[in-house]
Amino acid sequence: MIVPFTNGGDVDFDGHIHNINRWNEENLSGYLILGSNGETPYLSEQEKIKLVEVTVKHAGKGKTLLAGTGLESARETIRFTNLVAGLGVQAALVLTPHFYGPQMTDKALVGYFREVAERSKIPILIYNVPVYTHLMISLEAVRILSEHPNIIGMKDSSGDVPRLAAMKGFLPPDFNLLVGNIGAWYPALTLGVRGGILALANFAGTQCSAVQELFDAQKYEEARALYLKLVALNAVVASAHGIAGLKQAATLVGYAGGAVRSPLLGLDEKASVHIKEQLFKNGML
């Protein structure tokens, strides 16, 4: 979930509620609070807690609620995970610790995730997002961790389809392998991946889920055609302009996108016009 900020830099909680009410009407299984697109590293703990509380209160009935709780130390991750567990979150998405990258060996990461899983009051999922962490958890570490009863899945945002294929070859059938990159969405479905947490769903949730619905209905060409349109749209919106582009697209289609928080920069007029043109081209305006 994106988090709208006012021009003064405060969290716009009314805007967040507006977005939840809109998302409740989309064909989405649930929400990830405090993920990468929520500018989570820039949020205070107080802001994080209130965002969780507001989301839990306003989320539609039956929605699955995940929260990003990964911090650099196991101790703080456990503390924060159990804090949000008490607020009604059903599972935690735990980022790979990465500040001391060269020391984050398989042994270190396996030990970290095991410690968190054993002391967490809710199930956890591994979050692999090398574009931000500059660290890729190894397949062997994932295999070992998948055996832990309280590690129930993984969001893989690497966009590496052969990597997804390799994991599907050894992960237990009930392990929730989720794709976190729209570029891998359709290929992931062909591999048997059953869910995704996608930035584009912030303003195109129905379209993202329609790819899966069409695929499940064996309308493969239609699914692939829609997927290719979404990939092209993502290239203009998020890939080129990051969270600022994502928020601008959301604003244009009626969500409360809001400003980004410093040091992120907003868009110039040329980028905004380009995004608007692409949304119009895709029938979203």
Protein backbone atom coordinates (compact mmCIF):
# COMPACT_ATOMS: atom_id res chain seq x y z
CA MET A 1 0.00 0.00 0.00
CA ILE A 2 1.24 3.48 -0.84
CA VAL A 3 1.06 5.96 2.03
CA PRO A 4 -0.14 9.45 1.06
CA PHE A 5 1.68 12.40 2.59
CA THR A 6 0.59 16.02 2.72
CA ASN A 7 2.76 18.64 1.05
CA GLY A 8 4.00 19.42 4.54
CA GLY A 9 5.27 15.87 4.96
CA ASP A 10 2.67 14.48 7.37
CA VAL A 11 0.86 11.17 6.84
CA ASP A 12 -2.56 11.85 5.33
CA PHE A 13 -4.59 9.31 7.27
CA ASP A 14 -7.88 10.49 5.76
CA GLY A 15 -6.36 9.89 2.33
CA HIS A 16 -5.26 6.44 3.45
CA ILE A 17 -8.79 5.61 4.54
CA HIS A 18 -10.11 6.86 1.18
CA ASN A 19 -7.68 4.52 -0.57
CA ILE A 20 -8.69 1.53 1.56
CA ASN A 21 -12.34 2.15 0.77
CA ARG A 22 -11.48 2.18 -2.94
CA TRP A 23 -9.29 -0.92 -2.67
CA ASN A 24 -12.09 -2.72 -0.85
CA GLU A 25 -14.05 -2.46 -4.10
CA GLU A 26 -11.19 -3.95 -6.13
CA ASN A 27 -10.76 -7.69 -6.61
CA LEU A 28 -7.87 -7.96 -4.15
CA SER A 29 -7.22 -10.69 -1.59
CA GLY A 30 -5.77 -8.35 0.99
CA TYR A 31 -3.26 -5.69 1.84
CA LEU A 32 0.39 -5.33 2.74
CA ILE A 33 0.90 -2.51 5.21
CA LEU A 34 4.42 -1.06 5.62
CA GLY A 35 5.93 -2.45 2.44
CA SER A 36 8.52 -0.89 0.16
CA ASN A 37 6.00 1.28 -1.69
CA GLY A 38 4.73 2.62 1.63
CA GLU A 39 8.02 4.49 2.11
CA THR A 40 8.37 2.48 5.31
CA PRO A 41 12.01 3.38 6.04
CA TYR A 42 10.86 7.01 6.36
CA LEU A 43 8.04 6.32 8.85
CA SER A 44 8.29 6.69 12.60
CA GLU A 45 7.14 3.78 14.72
CA GLN A 46 4.17 5.82 15.89
CA GLU A 47 3.13 6.41 12.28
CA LYS A 48 3.56 2.72 11.48
CA ILE A 49 1.35 1.70 14.38
CA LYS A 50 -1.41 4.14 13.43
CA LEU A 51 -1.31 2.99 9.79
CA VAL A 52 -1.74 -0.61 10.94
CA GLU A 53 -4.60 0.35 13.24
CA VAL A 54 -6.39 2.35 10.54
CA THR A 55 -5.95 -0.41 7.96
CA VAL A 56 -7.22 -3.12 10.31
CA LYS A 57 -10.26 -0.97 11.12
CA HIS A 58 -11.21 -0.14 7.54
CA ALA A 59 -10.15 -3.20 5.55
CA GLY A 60 -12.99 -5.09 3.94
CA LYS A 61 -14.29 -8.28 5.50
CA GLY A 62 -12.21 -11.32 4.63
CA LYS A 63 -9.14 -9.37 3.50
CA THR A 64 -5.79 -10.87 4.46
CA LEU A 65 -3.62 -8.33 6.28
CA LEU A 66 0.16 -8.50 6.18
CA ALA A 67 2.61 -6.02 7.65
CA GLY A 68 6.24 -5.41 6.84
CA THR A 69 8.05 -5.78 10.16
CA GLY A 70 11.65 -6.49 9.21
CA LEU A 71 14.27 -4.36 10.95
CA GLU A 72 18.00 -4.82 11.02
CA SER A 73 18.29 -6.74 14.29
CA ALA A 74 16.43 -9.89 15.22
CA ARG A 75 15.58 -8.36 18.59
CA GLU A 76 13.81 -5.32 17.13
CA THR A 77 12.13 -7.34 14.41
CA ILE A 78 10.66 -9.71 16.98
CA ARG A 79 9.50 -6.84 19.18
CA PHE A 80 7.82 -4.97 16.33
CA THR A 81 6.32 -8.11 14.80
CA ASN A 82 4.65 -9.04 18.07
CA LEU A 83 3.49 -5.46 18.55
CA VAL A 84 1.59 -5.40 15.23
CA ALA A 85 0.37 -8.96 15.83
CA GLY A 86 -1.54 -7.56 18.77
CA LEU A 87 -3.17 -5.00 16.48
CA GLY A 88 -4.77 -7.60 14.24
CA VAL A 89 -2.21 -8.33 11.53
CA GLN A 90 -2.34 -11.97 10.41
CA ALA A 91 1.22 -12.46 9.18
CA ALA A 92 4.48 -10.54 8.94
CA LEU A 93 6.60 -9.89 5.89
CA VAL A 94 10.20 -9.83 7.13
CA LEU A 95 12.82 -8.09 5.04
CA THR A 96 16.27 -9.62 4.75
CA PRO A 97 18.64 -7.66 7.02
CA HIS A 98 21.22 -6.07 4.76
CA PHE A 99 23.14 -3.16 6.29
CA TYR A 100 26.14 -5.39 7.00
CA GLY A 101 25.80 -7.06 3.62
CA PRO A 102 29.10 -8.96 3.45
CA GLN A 103 28.33 -10.60 6.79
CA MET A 104 24.83 -11.69 5.76
CA THR A 105 25.86 -15.22 4.86
CA ASP A 106 23.48 -18.16 4.59
CA LYS A 107 24.32 -19.04 8.19
CA ALA A 108 23.52 -15.51 9.40
CA LEU A 109 20.25 -15.22 7.45
CA VAL A 110 19.03 -18.70 8.37
CA GLY A 111 19.79 -17.96 12.01
CA TYR A 112 18.02 -14.61 11.85
CA PHE A 113 14.82 -15.89 10.25
CA ARG A 114 14.68 -18.92 12.53
CA GLU A 115 15.05 -16.73 15.61
CA VAL A 116 12.32 -14.38 14.43
CA ALA A 117 9.99 -17.26 13.47
CA GLU A 118 10.43 -19.03 16.77
CA ARG A 119 9.59 -15.94 18.80
CA SER A 120 6.91 -14.42 16.60
CA LYS A 121 3.26 -14.69 17.63
CA ILE A 122 2.16 -14.76 14.00
CA PRO A 123 3.49 -16.58 10.92
CA ILE A 124 6.21 -14.86 8.93
CA LEU A 125 7.15 -14.64 5.27
CA ILE A 126 10.62 -13.92 3.91
CA TYR A 127 10.90 -10.72 1.87
CA ASN A 128 13.55 -10.82 -0.86
CA VAL A 129 13.91 -7.46 -2.64
CA PRO A 130 17.48 -7.12 -3.92
CA VAL A 131 16.78 -3.88 -5.82
CA TYR A 132 16.63 -2.13 -2.43
CA THR A 133 18.71 -4.35 -0.15
CA HIS A 134 21.45 -5.21 -2.68
CA LEU A 135 21.30 -8.71 -1.19
CA MET A 136 19.81 -11.88 -2.65
CA ILE A 137 18.92 -14.64 -0.22
CA SER A 138 20.23 -17.92 -1.60
CA LEU A 139 18.06 -20.78 -2.79
CA GLU A 140 19.67 -23.07 -0.22
CA ALA A 141 18.76 -20.68 2.60
CA VAL A 142 15.17 -20.53 1.33
CA ARG A 143 15.02 -24.33 1.18
CA ILE A 144 16.21 -24.66 4.77
CA LEU A 145 13.88 -21.94 6.07
CA SER A 146 10.86 -23.38 4.25
CA GLU A 147 11.03 -26.34 6.63
CA HIS A 148 10.28 -24.13 9.64
CA PRO A 149 6.61 -24.43 10.66
CA ASN A 150 6.21 -20.70 11.33
CA ILE A 151 7.82 -19.56 8.07
CA ILE A 152 4.87 -19.92 5.74
CA GLY A 153 5.99 -18.19 2.58
CA MET A 154 8.12 -15.70 0.71
CA LYS A 155 7.65 -12.60 -1.38
CA ASP A 156 10.28 -12.71 -4.10
CA SER A 157 10.69 -9.35 -5.79
CA SER A 158 13.81 -10.25 -7.73
CA GLY A 159 11.88 -10.60 -11.00
CA ASP A 160 14.05 -13.64 -11.74
CA VAL A 161 11.75 -16.18 -13.39
CA PRO A 162 14.32 -19.04 -13.53
CA ARG A 163 14.81 -18.49 -9.79
CA LEU A 164 11.05 -18.84 -9.23
CA ALA A 165 11.09 -22.04 -11.28
CA ALA A 166 13.94 -23.44 -9.20
CA MET A 167 12.10 -22.66 -5.96
CA LYS A 168 8.86 -24.22 -7.18
CA GLY A 169 10.90 -27.37 -7.75
CA PHE A 170 11.84 -27.83 -4.09
CA LEU A 171 9.47 -25.82 -1.91
CA PRO A 172 6.69 -27.65 -0.02
CA PRO A 173 3.30 -27.43 -1.76
CA ASP A 174 1.81 -25.39 1.08
CA PHE A 175 4.61 -22.81 1.10
CA ASN A 176 3.21 -19.45 -0.06
CA LEU A 177 5.62 -18.33 -2.77
CA LEU A 178 4.44 -14.89 -3.91
CA VAL A 179 5.76 -12.84 -6.80
CA GLY A 180 6.57 -9.20 -6.07
CA ASN A 181 7.38 -7.96 -9.55
CA ILE A 182 4.80 -7.35 -12.28
CA GLY A 183 7.32 -8.39 -14.92
CA ALA A 184 7.29 -11.92 -13.51
CA TRP A 185 3.51 -12.11 -12.93
CA TYR A 186 2.30 -14.11 -15.93
CA PRO A 187 5.39 -16.37 -16.11
CA ALA A 188 4.98 -17.03 -12.37
CA LEU A 189 1.40 -18.18 -12.90
CA THR A 190 2.56 -20.67 -15.51
CA LEU A 191 4.96 -22.07 -12.89
CA GLY A 192 2.21 -22.59 -10.35
CA VAL A 193 2.69 -19.46 -8.23
CA ARG A 194 -0.70 -18.58 -6.78
CA GLY A 195 -0.35 -15.00 -5.64
CA GLY A 196 1.41 -11.70 -5.98
CA ILE A 197 2.02 -8.50 -4.04
CA LEU A 198 2.32 -5.95 -6.82
CA ALA A 199 3.04 -2.22 -6.74
CA LEU A 200 0.79 -1.68 -9.76
CA ALA A 201 -2.18 -2.98 -7.77
CA ASN A 202 -2.18 0.34 -5.91
CA PHE A 203 -4.04 1.83 -8.86
CA ALA A 204 -4.72 -1.16 -11.17
CA GLY A 205 -5.75 -3.90 -8.76
CA THR A 206 -8.60 -5.20 -10.88
CA GLN A 207 -6.37 -5.46 -13.93
CA CYS A 208 -3.60 -7.22 -12.01
CA SER A 209 -6.01 -9.76 -10.59
CA ALA A 210 -7.70 -10.18 -13.99
CA VAL A 211 -4.47 -11.65 -15.36
CA GLN A 212 -4.78 -14.44 -12.80
CA GLU A 213 -8.52 -14.89 -13.37
CA LEU A 214 -8.05 -15.19 -17.12
CA PHE A 215 -5.19 -17.61 -16.63
CA ASP A 216 -7.25 -19.76 -14.26
CA ALA A 217 -10.06 -19.78 -16.84
CA GLN A 218 -7.51 -21.11 -19.36
CA LYS A 219 -7.82 -17.93 -21.42
CA TYR A 220 -4.08 -17.82 -21.76
CA GLU A 221 -3.78 -15.47 -24.73
CA GLU A 222 -6.06 -12.91 -23.09
CA ALA A 223 -4.15 -13.20 -19.82
CA ARG A 224 -0.83 -12.75 -21.60
CA ALA A 225 -2.08 -9.76 -23.60
CA LEU A 226 -3.30 -7.97 -20.46
CA TYR A 227 -0.07 -8.84 -18.66
CA LEU A 228 2.00 -7.29 -21.47
CA LYS A 229 -0.05 -4.08 -21.26
CA LEU A 230 0.55 -3.90 -17.52
CA VAL A 231 4.27 -4.47 -17.95
CA ALA A 232 4.44 -1.61 -20.47
CA LEU A 233 2.43 0.63 -18.13
CA ASN A 234 4.67 -0.26 -15.20
CA ALA A 235 7.74 0.67 -17.23
CA VAL A 236 6.42 4.21 -17.60
CA VAL A 237 4.98 4.61 -14.11
CA ALA A 238 7.02 2.76 -11.49
CA SER A 239 10.15 1.53 -13.23
CA ALA A 240 10.96 4.97 -14.63
CA HIS A 241 9.77 7.14 -11.74
CA GLY A 242 9.58 4.92 -8.67
CA ILE A 243 7.15 5.66 -5.86
CA ALA A 244 6.54 9.21 -7.12
CA GLY A 245 5.30 7.79 -10.42
CA LEU A 246 3.17 5.21 -8.65
CA LYS A 247 1.56 7.91 -6.52
CA GLN A 248 0.94 10.17 -9.49
CA ALA A 249 -0.82 7.39 -11.38
CA ALA A 250 -2.90 6.61 -8.30
CA THR A 251 -3.87 10.26 -7.95
CA LEU A 252 -4.90 10.51 -11.59
CA VAL A 253 -7.31 7.56 -11.34
CA GLY A 254 -8.93 8.82 -8.15
CA TYR A 255 -6.87 7.56 -5.24
CA ALA A 256 -5.15 9.77 -2.70
CA GLY A 257 -1.60 9.47 -3.97
CA GLY A 258 -0.24 12.39 -2.06
CA ALA A 259 3.32 13.64 -1.94
CA VAL A 260 6.44 11.56 -1.38
CA ARG A 261 8.51 12.07 1.75
CA SER A 262 11.94 13.65 1.57
CA PRO A 263 14.55 12.77 0.38
CA LEU A 264 12.43 11.28 -2.42
CA LEU A 265 11.58 13.80 -5.11
CA GLY A 266 8.28 14.47 -6.79
CA LEU A 267 7.75 14.46 -10.54
CA ASP A 268 8.28 17.25 -13.03
CA GLU A 269 5.52 18.27 -15.41
CA LYS A 270 6.92 16.28 -18.33
CA ALA A 271 6.87 13.01 -16.35
CA SER A 272 3.36 13.69 -15.05
CA VAL A 273 2.06 14.30 -18.56
CA HIS A 274 3.71 11.13 -19.84
CA ILE A 275 2.07 9.04 -17.10
CA LYS A 276 -1.30 10.61 -17.84
CA GLU A 277 -0.92 9.79 -21.53
CA GLN A 278 -0.15 6.15 -20.74
CA LEU A 279 -3.13 5.82 -18.41
CA PHE A 280 -5.38 7.27 -21.10
CA LYS A 281 -3.88 4.90 -23.65
CA ASN A 282 -4.72 1.97 -21.38
CA GLY A 283 -8.32 3.09 -20.89
CA MET A 284 -7.88 4.05 -17.25
CA LEU A 285 -8.80 7.70 -17.74
